[in-house]
Every structure is written in C-alpha cells, then in structure tokens.
C-alpha cells in the first residue's frame, strides 16, 4: 500500500522553502511513499523529484485561474496561470492529466475556487480534496466530504505543506498503481488519514513569501 500526500509544495512556490532533499528525507522519515508535487504555477520541481525520489512522484501544478485554484495531476508540461477554469481544465485534459480541486470550501482561503466555477466544471472533475491540513475549520472538511459524496467524486487528501513540519499531516492510503488510469482505480479504494496543522504554518509561509519577494543576496 502507498501512503500518498497529494498536495505539497517545494522551494519553487514563492511561499515555500522546502528543498527537494528536505522533501525526500521528511517523506522517508514519516513513511510517506508517494507524493504529488503541486507548486504554485510552476512545474519545475516535478521532473527533478521524479529522478531523485526513491518512491513514486506524481507531477502536478496548482494553477491560479480567473476564479480560484485548480490542481492538475499527471501533467507533462507547465500550464499558464490566469486562464478561465474551463480553459484550465481543457489544458489539463489535453495532457492526459487528472483534475483535482483543492480546498474547495475553505472559508478563509482566497485561492479557493468559486462556487459557480466549480459547478461549471464539475463534469470534468476527477477528485475533490476533502482533507487539507491547512484548512482552519473542520466543518469545511465535512462540507467537502458531503459535496464529493453527493456528486459521486473521488476524495483526495494532502498536507498542502509549505514547511517540512507539515508534510504528511494528511494523506490517503491506496494500492500501488500504474499511470493515471490505475491511479484513479486505486483512489476508489483509498482511506484518508489526516490532521489539521497548527495555524502558525500560515504565518510561516507568509514570512517566506515576504522574504523571497524583498530580500536579495548582494
């Protein structure tokens, strides 16, 4: 069985400072043996991690659309930010990718997808992220679970880690798989395990983002 963290970031996200080596070492220490790397509007770490990690790495990207964020999994190339949700989904599909909706009902998350956009693309959605460790209110997790069940969608889980302390806080346990189609079949048998991260992690990622934006080495 694989313990998959399906939503985490690397140093190529502007609000994250985790090196690829840190990600690998932390996963091994915590028993996470499958990850999806989902940097903000960046695909740079995916292929590199696939070469370095001794466990499966799903190449992905968390893409900022005009109406909130959408994750593409099993991508082959970077998808540009700023397109409509519908156009973003089409681009994910054109690469043979999987459409994964992160933190859809997090009431304090500015990046959540708008309700109207979610309804519009629902037929093309493969997975609803029901457990995200950075969600502030457990009621928003429960709402996502109900929504996924009502719409007959697979449920996903990810730590949304931006610092190493968070990695693996949420994961889904699934059978081993081959390719994107095998992944979806395994996800149908998945069991979610999760806990919420402490609120300080948001402060940490905000400080990292500020530092990356304003601090430059001479």
C-alpha atoms as a PDB file:
ATOM      1  CA  UNK A   1       0.000   0.000   0.000  1.00  0.00           C
ATOM      2  CA  UNK A   2       1.058   3.575  -0.657  1.00  0.00           C
ATOM      3  CA  UNK A   3       0.691   6.494   1.735  1.00  0.00           C
ATOM      4  CA  UNK A   4       0.143   9.412  -0.638  1.00  0.00           C
ATOM      5  CA  UNK A   5       0.346  13.103   0.188  1.00  0.00           C
ATOM      6  CA  UNK A   6      -1.385  14.549  -2.869  1.00  0.00           C
ATOM      7  CA  UNK A   7      -0.782  18.260  -2.283  1.00  0.00           C
ATOM      8  CA  UNK A   8       2.566  19.743  -1.307  1.00  0.00           C
ATOM      9  CA  UNK A   9       4.984  22.418  -2.422  1.00  0.00           C
ATOM     10  CA  UNK A  10       8.696  22.942  -2.948  1.00  0.00           C
ATOM     11  CA  UNK A  11      11.011  25.945  -2.952  1.00  0.00           C
ATOM     12  CA  UNK A  12       9.725  26.777  -6.437  1.00  0.00           C
ATOM     13  CA  UNK A  13       6.495  28.026  -4.867  1.00  0.00           C
ATOM     14  CA  UNK A  14       7.058  31.619  -3.694  1.00  0.00           C
ATOM     15  CA  UNK A  15       5.737  30.882  -0.185  1.00  0.00           C
ATOM     16  CA  UNK A  16       7.674  27.657   0.437  1.00  0.00           C
ATOM     17  CA  UNK A  17      11.288  26.983   1.402  1.00  0.00           C
ATOM     18  CA  UNK A  18      11.472  23.172   1.222  1.00  0.00           C
ATOM     19  CA  UNK A  19      14.342  21.840  -0.838  1.00  0.00           C
ATOM     20  CA  UNK A  20      13.858  18.648  -2.804  1.00  0.00           C
ATOM     21  CA  UNK A  21      16.250  16.851  -0.465  1.00  0.00           C
ATOM     22  CA  UNK A  22      14.209  18.021   2.551  1.00  0.00           C
ATOM     23  CA  UNK A  23      11.018  16.709   0.952  1.00  0.00           C
ATOM     24  CA  UNK A  24      12.544  13.302   0.269  1.00  0.00           C
ATOM     25  CA  UNK A  25      14.139  12.925   3.710  1.00  0.00           C
ATOM     26  CA  UNK A  26      10.964  14.012   5.520  1.00  0.00           C
ATOM     27  CA  UNK A  27       8.812  11.622   3.488  1.00  0.00           C
ATOM     28  CA  UNK A  28      11.108   8.708   4.260  1.00  0.00           C
ATOM     29  CA  UNK A  29      11.158   9.568   7.951  1.00  0.00           C
ATOM     30  CA  UNK A  30       7.373   9.782   8.130  1.00  0.00           C
ATOM     31  CA  UNK A  31       6.503   6.775   5.992  1.00  0.00           C
ATOM     32  CA  UNK A  32       5.081   8.784   3.080  1.00  0.00           C
ATOM     33  CA  UNK A  33       5.956   6.749   0.000  1.00  0.00           C
ATOM     34  CA  UNK A  34       4.076   8.582  -2.738  1.00  0.00           C
ATOM     35  CA  UNK A  35       3.610  12.319  -3.300  1.00  0.00           C
ATOM     36  CA  UNK A  36       2.151  14.758  -5.775  1.00  0.00           C
ATOM     37  CA  UNK A  37       4.289  17.872  -6.136  1.00  0.00           C
ATOM     38  CA  UNK A  38       1.921  20.771  -6.810  1.00  0.00           C
ATOM     39  CA  UNK A  39       3.845  24.050  -6.873  1.00  0.00           C
ATOM     40  CA  UNK A  40       2.018  27.306  -7.461  1.00  0.00           C
ATOM     41  CA  UNK A  41       2.019  27.996 -11.204  1.00  0.00           C
ATOM     42  CA  UNK A  42       5.284  26.121 -11.608  1.00  0.00           C
ATOM     43  CA  UNK A  43       6.249  22.699 -12.932  1.00  0.00           C
ATOM     44  CA  UNK A  44       9.980  22.968 -12.287  1.00  0.00           C
ATOM     45  CA  UNK A  45      10.342  20.531  -9.390  1.00  0.00           C
ATOM     46  CA  UNK A  46       8.202  17.699 -10.715  1.00  0.00           C
ATOM     47  CA  UNK A  47      10.605  16.020 -13.130  1.00  0.00           C
ATOM     48  CA  UNK A  48      13.595  16.604 -10.858  1.00  0.00           C
ATOM     49  CA  UNK A  49      11.858  14.944  -7.926  1.00  0.00           C
ATOM     50  CA  UNK A  50      10.863  12.011 -10.118  1.00  0.00           C
ATOM     51  CA  UNK A  51      14.556  11.440 -10.841  1.00  0.00           C
ATOM     52  CA  UNK A  52      15.707  11.823  -7.237  1.00  0.00           C
ATOM     53  CA  UNK A  53      12.994  10.258  -5.082  1.00  0.00           C
ATOM     54  CA  UNK A  54      13.027   6.528  -4.251  1.00  0.00           C
ATOM     55  CA  UNK A  55       9.221   6.474  -4.338  1.00  0.00           C
ATOM     56  CA  UNK A  56       6.512   7.473  -6.865  1.00  0.00           C
ATOM     57  CA  UNK A  57       6.196  11.201  -7.577  1.00  0.00           C
ATOM     58  CA  UNK A  58       3.108  12.448  -9.418  1.00  0.00           C
ATOM     59  CA  UNK A  59       3.931  15.564 -11.464  1.00  0.00           C
ATOM     60  CA  UNK A  60       1.399  18.293 -10.830  1.00  0.00           C
ATOM     61  CA  UNK A  61       0.766  22.005 -10.577  1.00  0.00           C
ATOM     62  CA  UNK A  62      -1.561  24.218  -8.546  1.00  0.00           C
ATOM     63  CA  UNK A  63      -2.809  26.633 -11.167  1.00  0.00           C
ATOM     64  CA  UNK A  64      -4.314  30.037 -10.407  1.00  0.00           C
ATOM     65  CA  UNK A  65      -7.302  30.556 -12.688  1.00  0.00           C
ATOM     66  CA  UNK A  66      -9.521  33.614 -13.008  1.00  0.00           C
ATOM     67  CA  UNK A  67     -11.851  32.079 -10.414  1.00  0.00           C
ATOM     68  CA  UNK A  68      -9.631  30.214  -7.992  1.00  0.00           C
ATOM     69  CA  UNK A  69      -7.118  27.380  -7.925  1.00  0.00           C
ATOM     70  CA  UNK A  70      -7.235  24.029  -9.722  1.00  0.00           C
ATOM     71  CA  UNK A  71      -4.636  21.277  -9.472  1.00  0.00           C
ATOM     72  CA  UNK A  72      -3.618  19.195 -12.441  1.00  0.00           C
ATOM     73  CA  UNK A  73      -2.021  15.805 -11.731  1.00  0.00           C
ATOM     74  CA  UNK A  74      -0.042  13.598 -14.143  1.00  0.00           C
ATOM     75  CA  UNK A  75       0.928  16.618 -16.219  1.00  0.00           C
ATOM     76  CA  UNK A  76       3.677  16.700 -18.822  1.00  0.00           C
ATOM     77  CA  UNK A  77       4.169  20.480 -19.070  1.00  0.00           C
ATOM     78  CA  UNK A  78       3.552  23.664 -17.102  1.00  0.00           C
ATOM     79  CA  UNK A  79       0.120  25.235 -17.537  1.00  0.00           C
ATOM     80  CA  UNK A  80      -0.015  29.056 -17.563  1.00  0.00           C
ATOM     81  CA  UNK A  81      -1.875  30.893 -14.843  1.00  0.00           C
ATOM     82  CA  UNK A  82      -4.692  33.338 -15.473  1.00  0.00           C
ATOM     83  CA  UNK A  83      -6.936  31.289 -17.753  1.00  0.00           C
ATOM     84  CA  UNK A  84     -10.589  30.571 -17.031  1.00  0.00           C
ATOM     85  CA  UNK A  85     -11.401  27.425 -15.037  1.00  0.00           C
ATOM     86  CA  UNK A  86     -12.871  25.823 -18.149  1.00  0.00           C
ATOM     87  CA  UNK A  87      -9.795  26.551 -20.269  1.00  0.00           C
ATOM     88  CA  UNK A  88      -7.513  25.315 -17.483  1.00  0.00           C
ATOM     89  CA  UNK A  89      -9.415  22.043 -17.257  1.00  0.00           C
ATOM     90  CA  UNK A  90      -9.186  21.638 -21.028  1.00  0.00           C
ATOM     91  CA  UNK A  91      -5.414  22.106 -20.862  1.00  0.00           C
ATOM     92  CA  UNK A  92      -5.104  19.521 -18.071  1.00  0.00           C
ATOM     93  CA  UNK A  93      -7.145  17.076 -20.123  1.00  0.00           C
ATOM     94  CA  UNK A  94      -5.097  17.746 -23.261  1.00  0.00           C
ATOM     95  CA  UNK A  95      -2.041  16.461 -21.367  1.00  0.00           C
ATOM     96  CA  UNK A  96      -3.871  13.341 -20.218  1.00  0.00           C
ATOM     97  CA  UNK A  97      -3.995  14.764 -16.713  1.00  0.00           C
ATOM     98  CA  UNK A  98      -6.363  14.468 -13.764  1.00  0.00           C
ATOM     99  CA  UNK A  99      -8.453  17.380 -12.476  1.00  0.00           C
ATOM    100  CA  UNK A 100      -8.143  17.761  -8.697  1.00  0.00           C
ATOM    101  CA  UNK A 101      -9.963  20.515  -6.796  1.00  0.00           C
ATOM    102  CA  UNK A 102      -8.030  21.698  -3.707  1.00  0.00           C
ATOM    103  CA  UNK A 103      -9.641  23.095  -0.531  1.00  0.00           C
ATOM    104  CA  UNK A 104     -12.986  23.882  -2.244  1.00  0.00           C
ATOM    105  CA  UNK A 105     -14.841  25.141   0.837  1.00  0.00           C
ATOM    106  CA  UNK A 106     -12.104  26.687   2.980  1.00  0.00           C
ATOM    107  CA  UNK A 107     -13.890  29.819   4.130  1.00  0.00           C
ATOM    108  CA  UNK A 108     -10.688  31.802   4.782  1.00  0.00           C
ATOM    109  CA  UNK A 109      -8.731  30.732   1.691  1.00  0.00           C
ATOM    110  CA  UNK A 110      -8.553  33.373  -1.018  1.00  0.00           C
ATOM    111  CA  UNK A 111      -7.433  30.805  -3.560  1.00  0.00           C
ATOM    112  CA  UNK A 112     -10.466  28.530  -3.316  1.00  0.00           C
ATOM    113  CA  UNK A 113     -12.428  28.032  -6.495  1.00  0.00           C
ATOM    114  CA  UNK A 114     -15.667  29.997  -6.771  1.00  0.00           C
ATOM    115  CA  UNK A 115     -18.905  28.018  -6.311  1.00  0.00           C
ATOM    116  CA  UNK A 116     -20.120  28.956  -9.774  1.00  0.00           C
ATOM    117  CA  UNK A 117     -16.909  27.838 -11.439  1.00  0.00           C
ATOM    118  CA  UNK A 118     -16.936  24.555  -9.537  1.00  0.00           C
ATOM    119  CA  UNK A 119     -20.471  23.865 -10.734  1.00  0.00           C
ATOM    120  CA  UNK A 120     -19.496  24.764 -14.295  1.00  0.00           C
ATOM    121  CA  UNK A 121     -16.574  22.315 -14.488  1.00  0.00           C
ATOM    122  CA  UNK A 122     -17.995  19.585 -12.250  1.00  0.00           C
ATOM    123  CA  UNK A 123     -18.475  17.069 -15.057  1.00  0.00           C
ATOM    124  CA  UNK A 124     -14.727  17.208 -15.737  1.00  0.00           C
ATOM    125  CA  UNK A 125     -13.579  16.975 -12.102  1.00  0.00           C
ATOM    126  CA  UNK A 126     -11.967  13.688 -11.055  1.00  0.00           C
ATOM    127  CA  UNK A 127     -11.118  14.307  -7.395  1.00  0.00           C
ATOM    128  CA  UNK A 128     -12.347  16.651  -4.667  1.00  0.00           C
ATOM    129  CA  UNK A 129      -9.796  17.338  -1.952  1.00  0.00           C
ATOM    130  CA  UNK A 130     -11.818  16.704   1.180  1.00  0.00           C
ATOM    131  CA  UNK A 131      -8.970  16.826   3.699  1.00  0.00           C
ATOM    132  CA  UNK A 132      -6.401  19.607   3.502  1.00  0.00           C
ATOM    133  CA  UNK A 133      -4.328  20.101   6.639  1.00  0.00           C
ATOM    134  CA  UNK A 134      -4.204  23.874   6.197  1.00  0.00           C
ATOM    135  CA  UNK A 135      -7.963  24.250   6.480  1.00  0.00           C
ATOM    136  CA  UNK A 136      -8.844  26.275   9.588  1.00  0.00           C
ATOM    137  CA  UNK A 137     -12.282  24.850  10.381  1.00  0.00           C
ATOM    138  CA  UNK A 138     -13.101  21.136  10.439  1.00  0.00           C
ATOM    139  CA  UNK A 139     -16.632  21.992   9.263  1.00  0.00           C
ATOM    140  CA  UNK A 140     -15.142  22.919   5.880  1.00  0.00           C
ATOM    141  CA  UNK A 141     -13.618  19.433   5.640  1.00  0.00           C
ATOM    142  CA  UNK A 142     -17.005  17.904   6.405  1.00  0.00           C
ATOM    143  CA  UNK A 143     -18.687  20.090   3.787  1.00  0.00           C
ATOM    144  CA  UNK A 144     -16.207  18.927   1.155  1.00  0.00           C
ATOM    145  CA  UNK A 145     -16.829  15.296   2.111  1.00  0.00           C
ATOM    146  CA  UNK A 146     -20.593  15.733   1.705  1.00  0.00           C
ATOM    147  CA  UNK A 147     -20.123  17.511  -1.609  1.00  0.00           C
ATOM    148  CA  UNK A 148     -17.892  14.762  -3.003  1.00  0.00           C
ATOM    149  CA  UNK A 149     -20.375  12.079  -1.973  1.00  0.00           C
ATOM    150  CA  UNK A 150     -23.342  13.973  -3.422  1.00  0.00           C
ATOM    151  CA  UNK A 151     -21.551  14.411  -6.754  1.00  0.00           C
ATOM    152  CA  UNK A 152     -20.053  10.895  -6.826  1.00  0.00           C
ATOM    153  CA  UNK A 153     -16.471  12.152  -6.946  1.00  0.00           C
ATOM    154  CA  UNK A 154     -13.310  10.547  -5.590  1.00  0.00           C
ATOM    155  CA  UNK A 155     -11.940  12.079  -2.407  1.00  0.00           C
ATOM    156  CA  UNK A 156      -8.356  13.243  -2.024  1.00  0.00           C
ATOM    157  CA  UNK A 157      -6.134  14.381   0.829  1.00  0.00           C
ATOM    158  CA  UNK A 158      -2.974  16.426   1.118  1.00  0.00           C
ATOM    159  CA  UNK A 159      -0.992  18.291   3.716  1.00  0.00           C
ATOM    160  CA  UNK A 160      -0.592  21.370   1.470  1.00  0.00           C
ATOM    161  CA  UNK A 161       2.833  21.529   3.120  1.00  0.00           C
ATOM    162  CA  UNK A 162       4.934  24.660   2.667  1.00  0.00           C
ATOM    163  CA  UNK A 163       7.349  23.848   5.507  1.00  0.00           C
ATOM    164  CA  UNK A 164       8.721  20.426   6.430  1.00  0.00           C
ATOM    165  CA  UNK A 165       6.848  20.248   9.751  1.00  0.00           C
ATOM    166  CA  UNK A 166       3.544  19.893   7.874  1.00  0.00           C
ATOM    167  CA  UNK A 167       4.481  17.224   5.374  1.00  0.00           C
ATOM    168  CA  UNK A 168       2.374  14.086   5.675  1.00  0.00           C
ATOM    169  CA  UNK A 169      -0.167  15.548   8.095  1.00  0.00           C
ATOM    170  CA  UNK A 170      -2.806  14.409   5.605  1.00  0.00           C
ATOM    171  CA  UNK A 171      -2.514  11.502   3.220  1.00  0.00           C
ATOM    172  CA  UNK A 172      -4.568   8.822   1.540  1.00  0.00           C
ATOM    173  CA  UNK A 173      -3.649   5.159   1.677  1.00  0.00           C
ATOM    174  CA  UNK A 174      -4.137   3.412  -1.661  1.00  0.00           C
ATOM    175  CA  UNK A 175      -2.945   0.285  -3.512  1.00  0.00           C
ATOM    176  CA  UNK A 176       0.036   0.620  -5.837  1.00  0.00           C
ATOM    177  CA  UNK A 177      -0.858   1.824  -9.329  1.00  0.00           C
ATOM    178  CA  UNK A 178       0.407   2.251 -12.872  1.00  0.00           C
ATOM    179  CA  UNK A 179      -0.301   5.513 -14.660  1.00  0.00           C
ATOM    180  CA  UNK A 180      -3.194   7.920 -14.295  1.00  0.00           C
ATOM    181  CA  UNK A 181      -5.944   5.379 -15.009  1.00  0.00           C
ATOM    182  CA  UNK A 182      -4.524   2.964 -12.463  1.00  0.00           C
ATOM    183  CA  UNK A 183      -4.254   5.834 -10.007  1.00  0.00           C
ATOM    184  CA  UNK A 184      -7.966   6.609 -10.285  1.00  0.00           C
ATOM    185  CA  UNK A 185      -8.831   2.944  -9.721  1.00  0.00           C
ATOM    186  CA  UNK A 186      -6.609   2.885  -6.638  1.00  0.00           C
ATOM    187  CA  UNK A 187      -8.131   6.118  -5.350  1.00  0.00           C
ATOM    188  CA  UNK A 188     -11.542   4.460  -5.383  1.00  0.00           C
ATOM    189  CA  UNK A 189     -10.167   2.133  -2.685  1.00  0.00           C
ATOM    190  CA  UNK A 190      -8.471   4.903  -0.717  1.00  0.00           C
ATOM    191  CA  UNK A 191      -8.613   5.554   3.018  1.00  0.00           C
ATOM    192  CA  UNK A 192      -7.983   9.111   4.158  1.00  0.00           C
ATOM    193  CA  UNK A 193      -5.909   9.903   7.234  1.00  0.00           C
ATOM    194  CA  UNK A 194      -5.486  13.469   8.346  1.00  0.00           C
ATOM    195  CA  UNK A 195      -5.000  16.093  10.987  1.00  0.00           C
ATOM    196  CA  UNK A 196      -5.112  19.864  10.822  1.00  0.00           C
ATOM    197  CA  UNK A 197      -1.866  21.785  11.018  1.00  0.00           C
ATOM    198  CA  UNK A 198      -1.353  24.483  13.625  1.00  0.00           C
ATOM    199  CA  UNK A 199      -2.355  27.986  12.398  1.00  0.00           C
ATOM    200  CA  UNK A 200       1.269  29.202  12.678  1.00  0.00           C
ATOM    201  CA  UNK A 201       2.072  27.472   9.377  1.00  0.00           C
ATOM    202  CA  UNK A 202       0.201  30.234   7.539  1.00  0.00           C
ATOM    203  CA  UNK A 203       2.388  32.822   9.248  1.00  0.00           C
ATOM    204  CA  UNK A 204       5.494  30.857   8.275  1.00  0.00           C
ATOM    205  CA  UNK A 205       4.578  30.699   4.597  1.00  0.00           C
ATOM    206  CA  UNK A 206       3.657  34.411   4.576  1.00  0.00           C
ATOM    207  CA  UNK A 207       7.072  35.265   6.010  1.00  0.00           C
ATOM    208  CA  UNK A 208       8.784  33.061   3.423  1.00  0.00           C
ATOM    209  CA  UNK A 209       6.855  34.796   0.652  1.00  0.00           C
ATOM    210  CA  UNK A 210       7.788  38.232   2.003  1.00  0.00           C
ATOM    211  CA  UNK A 211      11.435  37.230   2.297  1.00  0.00           C
ATOM    212  CA  UNK A 212      11.557  35.831  -1.237  1.00  0.00           C
ATOM    213  CA  UNK A 213       9.954  38.961  -2.603  1.00  0.00           C
ATOM    214  CA  UNK A 214      12.014  41.578  -0.740  1.00  0.00           C
ATOM    215  CA  UNK A 215      15.304  40.002   0.284  1.00  0.00           C
ATOM    216  CA  UNK A 216      18.081  39.662  -2.252  1.00  0.00           C
ATOM    217  CA  UNK A 217      21.603  38.492  -1.757  1.00  0.00           C
ATOM    218  CA  UNK A 218      24.267  41.054  -2.704  1.00  0.00           C
END
